[in-house]
Amino acid sequence: MATLTQDFTVKIAETAEELRAAQALRYEVFVRELGGDGELVDHVAGLERDRFDPYFDHMIASDTSTGRVVGVYRLLRSEQATKVGQFYSDDEYDLSVLQSSGRKVLELGRSCLHPDYRGGMAMYHLWKGLSQYVLTHEIEILFGTASFHGTDIAALAAPLSMLHHNHLAPQDLRVRAKTYQSMDLIPLEDLDRRAAMVQIPALIKAYLRLGGFVGQGAYVDDAFNTTDVCLILDTARMNERQRKIYTGER
């Protein structure tokens, strides 16, 4: 069932056309804007896709005035991951601490907004839709990779160190990068916190405000021209203020 707001409709894609619209937006952002690529990317049709797409739920936000898909989230629950044989992030991170936790987990990925809608209300409505999805499926832990643009680790040393020193996940949530790139690059006492925060992408900062953590180590993704960190959000650890931000309560 779609959630109708004043300006946006948020729903799970139900048709091939809706999925193509999501993949087209992903192409605009991840391929044209950020320089990514992949085995199943369709450069002729302008679609960013991969072998995992048939198993994910694809949450889309559409501008109600135009019908245009302007925001996307890709969602994979444990039972869906069983069908594909893994989580997407399994290729980058050892997820065993989450998989053996006995708790319901949800992998998030491919989050993006059309450039014209960044800084507005579209992301807020996507988050509202996500919080309802989490409630419906009784999800306890959310996780997924989030990216810094580029693969120059020296240029990213400050924000990566900031995440390592201040937001490292507790042991029971601490996934670890398989192809390990240390994030402990600048000693805490030498770190310019303000300058480091400026370099951290808005999506990562949003999870940190909700009490999110990062896993151990980063993963350099040359195909996508990104440096990835794994974000983990445990709903049981959220305080009341964070919970209200997440659910959109006043």
C-alpha atoms as a PDB file:
ATOM      1  CA  MET A   1       0.000   0.000   0.000  1.00  0.00           C
ATOM      2  CA  ALA A   2       1.358   3.421  -0.963  1.00  0.00           C
ATOM      3  CA  THR A   3       1.808   6.160   1.606  1.00  0.00           C
ATOM      4  CA  LEU A   4       0.436   9.373   0.127  1.00  0.00           C
ATOM      5  CA  THR A   5       1.939  12.628   1.362  1.00  0.00           C
ATOM      6  CA  GLN A   6       1.375  16.191   0.234  1.00  0.00           C
ATOM      7  CA  ASP A   7       4.177  16.060  -2.314  1.00  0.00           C
ATOM      8  CA  PHE A   8       5.437  12.487  -2.563  1.00  0.00           C
ATOM      9  CA  THR A   9       4.196   8.941  -2.843  1.00  0.00           C
ATOM     10  CA  VAL A  10       6.400   6.310  -1.198  1.00  0.00           C
ATOM     11  CA  LYS A  11       5.848   2.651  -2.006  1.00  0.00           C
ATOM     12  CA  ILE A  12       7.506  -0.647  -2.854  1.00  0.00           C
ATOM     13  CA  ALA A  13       7.925  -1.029  -6.618  1.00  0.00           C
ATOM     14  CA  GLU A  14       5.332  -3.482  -7.891  1.00  0.00           C
ATOM     15  CA  THR A  15       5.762  -3.424 -11.671  1.00  0.00           C
ATOM     16  CA  ALA A  16       8.588  -3.835 -14.151  1.00  0.00           C
ATOM     17  CA  GLU A  17       8.119  -0.192 -15.127  1.00  0.00           C
ATOM     18  CA  GLU A  18       8.553   0.981 -11.535  1.00  0.00           C
ATOM     19  CA  LEU A  19      11.698  -1.126 -11.130  1.00  0.00           C
ATOM     20  CA  ARG A  20      13.117   0.298 -14.374  1.00  0.00           C
ATOM     21  CA  ALA A  21      12.423   3.815 -13.112  1.00  0.00           C
ATOM     22  CA  ALA A  22      14.377   3.009  -9.936  1.00  0.00           C
ATOM     23  CA  GLN A  23      17.254   1.552 -11.958  1.00  0.00           C
ATOM     24  CA  ALA A  24      17.235   4.591 -14.251  1.00  0.00           C
ATOM     25  CA  LEU A  25      17.601   6.937 -11.282  1.00  0.00           C
ATOM     26  CA  ARG A  26      20.388   4.763  -9.916  1.00  0.00           C
ATOM     27  CA  TYR A  27      22.136   5.013 -13.303  1.00  0.00           C
ATOM     28  CA  GLU A  28      21.920   8.796 -13.240  1.00  0.00           C
ATOM     29  CA  VAL A  29      23.445   8.952  -9.752  1.00  0.00           C
ATOM     30  CA  PHE A  30      25.841   6.017  -9.462  1.00  0.00           C
ATOM     31  CA  VAL A  31      27.060   5.769 -13.067  1.00  0.00           C
ATOM     32  CA  ARG A  32      26.756   9.199 -14.700  1.00  0.00           C
ATOM     33  CA  GLU A  33      27.348  11.291 -11.588  1.00  0.00           C
ATOM     34  CA  LEU A  34      29.739   9.125  -9.579  1.00  0.00           C
ATOM     35  CA  GLY A  35      31.442   7.101 -12.308  1.00  0.00           C
ATOM     36  CA  GLY A  36      30.368   3.626 -11.180  1.00  0.00           C
ATOM     37  CA  ASP A  37      29.989   0.530 -13.346  1.00  0.00           C
ATOM     38  CA  GLY A  38      29.143  -3.152 -13.082  1.00  0.00           C
ATOM     39  CA  GLU A  39      28.662  -6.371 -15.065  1.00  0.00           C
ATOM     40  CA  LEU A  40      24.913  -5.902 -15.585  1.00  0.00           C
ATOM     41  CA  VAL A  41      24.847  -2.111 -15.964  1.00  0.00           C
ATOM     42  CA  ASP A  42      22.960  -1.304 -19.173  1.00  0.00           C
ATOM     43  CA  HIS A  43      24.610   1.770 -20.674  1.00  0.00           C
ATOM     44  CA  VAL A  44      22.348   1.711 -23.750  1.00  0.00           C
ATOM     45  CA  ALA A  45      19.097   1.772 -21.776  1.00  0.00           C
ATOM     46  CA  GLY A  46      20.631   3.803 -18.929  1.00  0.00           C
ATOM     47  CA  LEU A  47      19.905   1.302 -16.146  1.00  0.00           C
ATOM     48  CA  GLU A  48      22.081   0.527 -13.096  1.00  0.00           C
ATOM     49  CA  ARG A  49      21.237  -3.025 -12.089  1.00  0.00           C
ATOM     50  CA  ASP A  50      22.828  -6.201 -10.739  1.00  0.00           C
ATOM     51  CA  ARG A  51      22.049  -9.838  -9.992  1.00  0.00           C
ATOM     52  CA  PHE A  52      20.599  -8.958  -6.591  1.00  0.00           C
ATOM     53  CA  ASP A  53      17.789  -6.746  -7.883  1.00  0.00           C
ATOM     54  CA  PRO A  54      15.191  -9.553  -8.299  1.00  0.00           C
ATOM     55  CA  TYR A  55      15.487 -10.439  -4.605  1.00  0.00           C
ATOM     56  CA  PHE A  56      15.296  -6.955  -3.075  1.00  0.00           C
ATOM     57  CA  ASP A  57      12.283  -4.823  -2.305  1.00  0.00           C
ATOM     58  CA  HIS A  58      12.728  -1.498  -4.083  1.00  0.00           C
ATOM     59  CA  MET A  59      11.264   1.460  -2.201  1.00  0.00           C
ATOM     60  CA  ILE A  60      10.587   4.403  -4.481  1.00  0.00           C
ATOM     61  CA  ALA A  61       9.604   7.991  -3.776  1.00  0.00           C
ATOM     62  CA  SER A  62       7.721   9.723  -6.577  1.00  0.00           C
ATOM     63  CA  ASP A  63       6.903  13.396  -7.015  1.00  0.00           C
ATOM     64  CA  THR A  64       3.096  13.382  -7.040  1.00  0.00           C
ATOM     65  CA  SER A  65       2.942  16.409  -9.325  1.00  0.00           C
ATOM     66  CA  THR A  66       4.881  14.675 -12.112  1.00  0.00           C
ATOM     67  CA  GLY A  67       4.864  10.964 -11.257  1.00  0.00           C
ATOM     68  CA  ARG A  68       8.640  10.999 -11.572  1.00  0.00           C
ATOM     69  CA  VAL A  69      10.665   8.620  -9.364  1.00  0.00           C
ATOM     70  CA  VAL A  70      13.049  10.890  -7.448  1.00  0.00           C
ATOM     71  CA  GLY A  71      14.294   8.674  -4.627  1.00  0.00           C
ATOM     72  CA  VAL A  72      15.192   5.012  -4.171  1.00  0.00           C
ATOM     73  CA  TYR A  73      16.053   2.592  -1.366  1.00  0.00           C
ATOM     74  CA  ARG A  74      16.861  -1.095  -1.879  1.00  0.00           C
ATOM     75  CA  LEU A  75      15.817  -3.432   0.967  1.00  0.00           C
ATOM     76  CA  LEU A  76      16.733  -7.069   1.674  1.00  0.00           C
ATOM     77  CA  ARG A  77      15.396  -9.062   4.627  1.00  0.00           C
ATOM     78  CA  SER A  78      17.004 -12.247   5.933  1.00  0.00           C
ATOM     79  CA  GLU A  79      14.500 -14.533   4.208  1.00  0.00           C
ATOM     80  CA  GLN A  80      15.171 -12.804   0.886  1.00  0.00           C
ATOM     81  CA  ALA A  81      18.931 -13.103   1.397  1.00  0.00           C
ATOM     82  CA  THR A  82      18.480 -16.845   1.913  1.00  0.00           C
ATOM     83  CA  LYS A  83      16.986 -17.100  -1.584  1.00  0.00           C
ATOM     84  CA  VAL A  84      19.910 -15.323  -3.249  1.00  0.00           C
ATOM     85  CA  GLY A  85      22.429 -17.110  -1.014  1.00  0.00           C
ATOM     86  CA  GLN A  86      23.926 -14.036   0.641  1.00  0.00           C
ATOM     87  CA  PHE A  87      23.464 -10.399   1.523  1.00  0.00           C
ATOM     88  CA  TYR A  88      24.863  -7.913  -0.981  1.00  0.00           C
ATOM     89  CA  SER A  89      27.344  -6.662   1.640  1.00  0.00           C
ATOM     90  CA  ASP A  90      28.698 -10.200   2.139  1.00  0.00           C
ATOM     91  CA  ASP A  91      31.074  -9.482  -0.737  1.00  0.00           C
ATOM     92  CA  GLU A  92      32.660  -6.650   1.253  1.00  0.00           C
ATOM     93  CA  TYR A  93      32.128  -7.436   4.957  1.00  0.00           C
ATOM     94  CA  ASP A  94      32.117 -10.413   7.291  1.00  0.00           C
ATOM     95  CA  LEU A  95      28.545 -10.202   8.585  1.00  0.00           C
ATOM     96  CA  SER A  96      28.661 -13.255  10.850  1.00  0.00           C
ATOM     97  CA  VAL A  97      28.050 -11.272  14.065  1.00  0.00           C
ATOM     98  CA  LEU A  98      24.749 -10.048  12.628  1.00  0.00           C
ATOM     99  CA  GLN A  99      23.741 -13.312  10.980  1.00  0.00           C
ATOM    100  CA  SER A 100      24.327 -15.308  14.168  1.00  0.00           C
ATOM    101  CA  SER A 101      22.581 -12.790  16.439  1.00  0.00           C
ATOM    102  CA  GLY A 102      19.158 -14.427  16.186  1.00  0.00           C
ATOM    103  CA  ARG A 103      17.650 -10.998  15.529  1.00  0.00           C
ATOM    104  CA  LYS A 104      15.731  -9.792  12.475  1.00  0.00           C
ATOM    105  CA  VAL A 105      18.024  -7.831  10.185  1.00  0.00           C
ATOM    106  CA  LEU A 106      17.457  -5.688   7.113  1.00  0.00           C
ATOM    107  CA  GLU A 107      20.073  -4.703   4.559  1.00  0.00           C
ATOM    108  CA  LEU A 108      19.767  -1.260   2.996  1.00  0.00           C
ATOM    109  CA  GLY A 109      21.447  -0.191  -0.207  1.00  0.00           C
ATOM    110  CA  ARG A 110      21.447   1.906  -3.374  1.00  0.00           C
ATOM    111  CA  SER A 111      19.968   4.883  -1.538  1.00  0.00           C
ATOM    112  CA  CYS A 112      19.902   7.903  -3.815  1.00  0.00           C
ATOM    113  CA  LEU A 113      17.984  11.043  -4.696  1.00  0.00           C
ATOM    114  CA  HIS A 114      17.675  12.929  -7.941  1.00  0.00           C
ATOM    115  CA  PRO A 115      19.924  16.032  -7.717  1.00  0.00           C
ATOM    116  CA  ASP A 116      16.911  18.374  -7.969  1.00  0.00           C
ATOM    117  CA  TYR A 117      15.426  16.885  -4.784  1.00  0.00           C
ATOM    118  CA  ARG A 118      18.438  16.854  -2.482  1.00  0.00           C
ATOM    119  CA  GLY A 119      18.134  19.023   0.589  1.00  0.00           C
ATOM    120  CA  GLY A 120      14.346  18.937   0.391  1.00  0.00           C
ATOM    121  CA  MET A 121      11.630  16.691   1.778  1.00  0.00           C
ATOM    122  CA  ALA A 122      12.079  13.665  -0.473  1.00  0.00           C
ATOM    123  CA  MET A 123      14.590  11.955   1.834  1.00  0.00           C
ATOM    124  CA  TYR A 124      12.368  12.634   4.831  1.00  0.00           C
ATOM    125  CA  HIS A 125       9.499  10.810   3.143  1.00  0.00           C
ATOM    126  CA  LEU A 126      11.742   7.907   2.137  1.00  0.00           C
ATOM    127  CA  TRP A 127      12.797   7.607   5.792  1.00  0.00           C
ATOM    128  CA  LYS A 128       9.149   7.657   6.861  1.00  0.00           C
ATOM    129  CA  GLY A 129       8.423   4.855   4.439  1.00  0.00           C
ATOM    130  CA  LEU A 130      11.437   2.928   5.682  1.00  0.00           C
ATOM    131  CA  SER A 131      10.373   3.270   9.322  1.00  0.00           C
ATOM    132  CA  GLN A 132       6.944   1.861   8.447  1.00  0.00           C
ATOM    133  CA  TYR A 133       8.580  -1.022   6.577  1.00  0.00           C
ATOM    134  CA  VAL A 134      10.747  -1.766   9.624  1.00  0.00           C
ATOM    135  CA  LEU A 135       7.686  -1.810  11.888  1.00  0.00           C
ATOM    136  CA  THR A 136       5.702  -4.002   9.498  1.00  0.00           C
ATOM    137  CA  HIS A 137       8.459  -6.612   9.269  1.00  0.00           C
ATOM    138  CA  GLU A 138       9.552  -6.289  12.926  1.00  0.00           C
ATOM    139  CA  ILE A 139      13.135  -5.468  11.943  1.00  0.00           C
ATOM    140  CA  GLU A 140      15.609  -5.074  14.817  1.00  0.00           C
ATOM    141  CA  ILE A 141      18.904  -4.281  13.087  1.00  0.00           C
ATOM    142  CA  LEU A 142      19.435  -2.268   9.908  1.00  0.00           C
ATOM    143  CA  PHE A 143      22.757  -2.318   8.069  1.00  0.00           C
ATOM    144  CA  GLY A 144      24.310  -1.598   4.726  1.00  0.00           C
ATOM    145  CA  THR A 145      27.273  -0.040   3.021  1.00  0.00           C
ATOM    146  CA  ALA A 146      27.477   3.707   2.461  1.00  0.00           C
ATOM    147  CA  SER A 147      30.027   5.364   0.265  1.00  0.00           C
ATOM    148  CA  PHE A 148      32.555   8.122   0.062  1.00  0.00           C
ATOM    149  CA  HIS A 149      33.160   9.210  -3.519  1.00  0.00           C
ATOM    150  CA  GLY A 150      36.605   8.221  -4.750  1.00  0.00           C
ATOM    151  CA  THR A 151      39.260   5.695  -3.725  1.00  0.00           C
ATOM    152  CA  ASP A 152      42.072   7.994  -2.573  1.00  0.00           C
ATOM    153  CA  ILE A 153      42.444   6.899   1.055  1.00  0.00           C
ATOM    154  CA  ALA A 154      44.843   9.715   1.900  1.00  0.00           C
ATOM    155  CA  ALA A 155      42.183  12.246   0.897  1.00  0.00           C
ATOM    156  CA  LEU A 156      39.626  10.455   3.087  1.00  0.00           C
ATOM    157  CA  ALA A 157      41.900   9.890   6.096  1.00  0.00           C
ATOM    158  CA  ALA A 158      40.210  12.506   8.294  1.00  0.00           C
ATOM    159  CA  PRO A 159      36.561  11.405   7.927  1.00  0.00           C
ATOM    160  CA  LEU A 160      37.465   7.706   8.087  1.00  0.00           C
ATOM    161  CA  SER A 161      39.478   8.290  11.255  1.00  0.00           C
ATOM    162  CA  MET A 162      36.617  10.319  12.695  1.00  0.00           C
ATOM    163  CA  LEU A 163      34.239   7.404  12.175  1.00  0.00           C
ATOM    164  CA  HIS A 164      36.722   4.912  13.623  1.00  0.00           C
ATOM    165  CA  HIS A 165      37.458   6.883  16.791  1.00  0.00           C
ATOM    166  CA  ASN A 166      33.933   8.079  17.552  1.00  0.00           C
ATOM    167  CA  HIS A 167      31.419   5.691  15.990  1.00  0.00           C
ATOM    168  CA  LEU A 168      32.934   2.189  15.921  1.00  0.00           C
ATOM    169  CA  ALA A 169      30.289  -0.474  16.524  1.00  0.00           C
ATOM    170  CA  PRO A 170      30.261  -2.458  19.782  1.00  0.00           C
ATOM    171  CA  GLN A 171      31.601  -5.995  19.499  1.00  0.00           C
ATOM    172  CA  ASP A 172      28.181  -7.637  19.069  1.00  0.00           C
ATOM    173  CA  LEU A 173      27.552  -5.496  15.965  1.00  0.00           C
ATOM    174  CA  ARG A 174      31.124  -5.078  14.685  1.00  0.00           C
ATOM    175  CA  VAL A 175      31.256  -6.435  11.164  1.00  0.00           C
ATOM    176  CA  ARG A 176      34.708  -6.374   9.545  1.00  0.00           C
ATOM    177  CA  ALA A 177      35.829  -5.527   6.016  1.00  0.00           C
ATOM    178  CA  LYS A 178      37.068  -8.589   4.136  1.00  0.00           C
ATOM    179  CA  THR A 179      39.541  -6.687   1.954  1.00  0.00           C
ATOM    180  CA  TYR A 180      40.636  -4.617   4.895  1.00  0.00           C
ATOM    181  CA  GLN A 181      41.420  -0.923   4.699  1.00  0.00           C
ATOM    182  CA  SER A 182      42.132   0.516   8.138  1.00  0.00           C
ATOM    183  CA  MET A 183      40.183   3.618   9.128  1.00  0.00           C
ATOM    184  CA  ASP A 184      42.531   4.321  12.052  1.00  0.00           C
ATOM    185  CA  LEU A 185      44.660   6.686   9.983  1.00  0.00           C
ATOM    186  CA  ILE A 186      44.992   9.834  12.105  1.00  0.00           C
ATOM    187  CA  PRO A 187      45.433   9.745  15.900  1.00  0.00           C
ATOM    188  CA  LEU A 188      42.435  11.094  17.789  1.00  0.00           C
ATOM    189  CA  GLU A 189      44.474  13.917  19.339  1.00  0.00           C
ATOM    190  CA  ASP A 190      45.553  15.126  15.876  1.00  0.00           C
ATOM    191  CA  LEU A 191      42.107  14.985  14.307  1.00  0.00           C
ATOM    192  CA  ASP A 192      40.280  18.171  13.282  1.00  0.00           C
ATOM    193  CA  ARG A 193      36.766  17.022  14.126  1.00  0.00           C
ATOM    194  CA  ARG A 194      34.995  19.907  12.410  1.00  0.00           C
ATOM    195  CA  ALA A 195      36.925  19.533   9.144  1.00  0.00           C
ATOM    196  CA  ALA A 196      36.414  15.755   9.204  1.00  0.00           C
ATOM    197  CA  MET A 197      32.644  16.079   9.648  1.00  0.00           C
ATOM    198  CA  VAL A 198      32.411  18.324   6.588  1.00  0.00           C
ATOM    199  CA  GLN A 199      33.739  15.453   4.466  1.00  0.00           C
ATOM    200  CA  ILE A 200      31.254  12.876   5.754  1.00  0.00           C
ATOM    201  CA  PRO A 201      28.340  12.345   3.312  1.00  0.00           C
ATOM    202  CA  ALA A 202      24.886  13.449   4.450  1.00  0.00           C
ATOM    203  CA  LEU A 203      23.476   9.901   4.476  1.00  0.00           C
ATOM    204  CA  ILE A 204      26.198   8.684   6.854  1.00  0.00           C
ATOM    205  CA  LYS A 205      25.680  11.692   9.133  1.00  0.00           C
ATOM    206  CA  ALA A 206      21.949  10.960   9.196  1.00  0.00           C
ATOM    207  CA  TYR A 207      22.589   7.440  10.515  1.00  0.00           C
ATOM    208  CA  LEU A 208      25.038   8.755  13.098  1.00  0.00           C
ATOM    209  CA  ARG A 209      22.367  11.152  14.399  1.00  0.00           C
ATOM    210  CA  LEU A 210      20.129   8.129  14.917  1.00  0.00           C
ATOM    211  CA  GLY A 211      22.790   6.379  16.980  1.00  0.00           C
ATOM    212  CA  GLY A 212      24.251   4.353  14.135  1.00  0.00           C
ATOM    213  CA  PHE A 213      27.709   2.778  14.138  1.00  0.00           C
ATOM    214  CA  VAL A 214      30.304   1.777  11.559  1.00  0.00           C
ATOM    215  CA  GLY A 215      31.974  -1.579  11.165  1.00  0.00           C
ATOM    216  CA  GLN A 216      35.700  -2.280  11.440  1.00  0.00           C
ATOM    217  CA  GLY A 217      37.619  -1.127   8.395  1.00  0.00           C
ATOM    218  CA  ALA A 218      36.633   0.336   5.042  1.00  0.00           C
ATOM    219  CA  TYR A 219      36.301  -1.378   1.676  1.00  0.00           C
ATOM    220  CA  VAL A 220      37.720   0.219  -1.477  1.00  0.00           C
ATOM    221  CA  ASP A 221      35.332  -0.462  -4.374  1.00  0.00           C
ATOM    222  CA  ASP A 222      37.267   0.332  -7.553  1.00  0.00           C
ATOM    223  CA  ALA A 223      34.381  -0.671  -9.851  1.00  0.00           C
ATOM    224  CA  PHE A 224      32.079   1.884  -8.259  1.00  0.00           C
ATOM    225  CA  ASN A 225      34.827   4.446  -7.628  1.00  0.00           C
ATOM    226  CA  THR A 226      33.915   4.568  -3.942  1.00  0.00           C
ATOM    227  CA  THR A 227      35.303   3.837  -0.513  1.00  0.00           C
ATOM    228  CA  ASP A 228      32.634   2.049   1.508  1.00  0.00           C
ATOM    229  CA  VAL A 229      31.896   1.819   5.204  1.00  0.00           C
ATOM    230  CA  CYS A 230      29.327  -0.489   6.751  1.00  0.00           C
ATOM    231  CA  LEU A 231      26.648   1.278   8.784  1.00  0.00           C
ATOM    232  CA  ILE A 232      24.733  -0.572  11.500  1.00  0.00           C
ATOM    233  CA  LEU A 233      21.676   0.704  13.342  1.00  0.00           C
ATOM    234  CA  ASP A 234      20.289  -1.258  16.304  1.00  0.00           C
ATOM    235  CA  THR A 235      16.730  -0.081  16.996  1.00  0.00           C
ATOM    236  CA  ALA A 236      16.972  -1.349  20.585  1.00  0.00           C
ATOM    237  CA  ARG A 237      19.854   1.053  21.262  1.00  0.00           C
ATOM    238  CA  MET A 238      18.040   4.150  20.006  1.00  0.00           C
ATOM    239  CA  ASN A 239      17.082   6.670  22.667  1.00  0.00           C
ATOM    240  CA  GLU A 240      13.710   8.416  22.633  1.00  0.00           C
ATOM    241  CA  ARG A 241      15.000  11.489  20.793  1.00  0.00           C
ATOM    242  CA  GLN A 242      16.602   9.341  18.104  1.00  0.00           C
ATOM    243  CA  ARG A 243      13.472   7.195  17.805  1.00  0.00           C
ATOM    244  CA  LYS A 244      11.326  10.279  17.203  1.00  0.00           C
ATOM    245  CA  ILE A 245      13.703  11.510  14.499  1.00  0.00           C
ATOM    246  CA  TYR A 246      13.585   8.106  12.834  1.00  0.00           C
ATOM    247  CA  THR A 247       9.808   7.680  12.922  1.00  0.00           C
ATOM    248  CA  GLY A 248       9.051  11.324  12.177  1.00  0.00           C
ATOM    249  CA  GLU A 249       7.175  11.817  15.436  1.00  0.00           C
ATOM    250  CA  ARG A 250       6.846  15.295  16.918  1.00  0.00           C
END
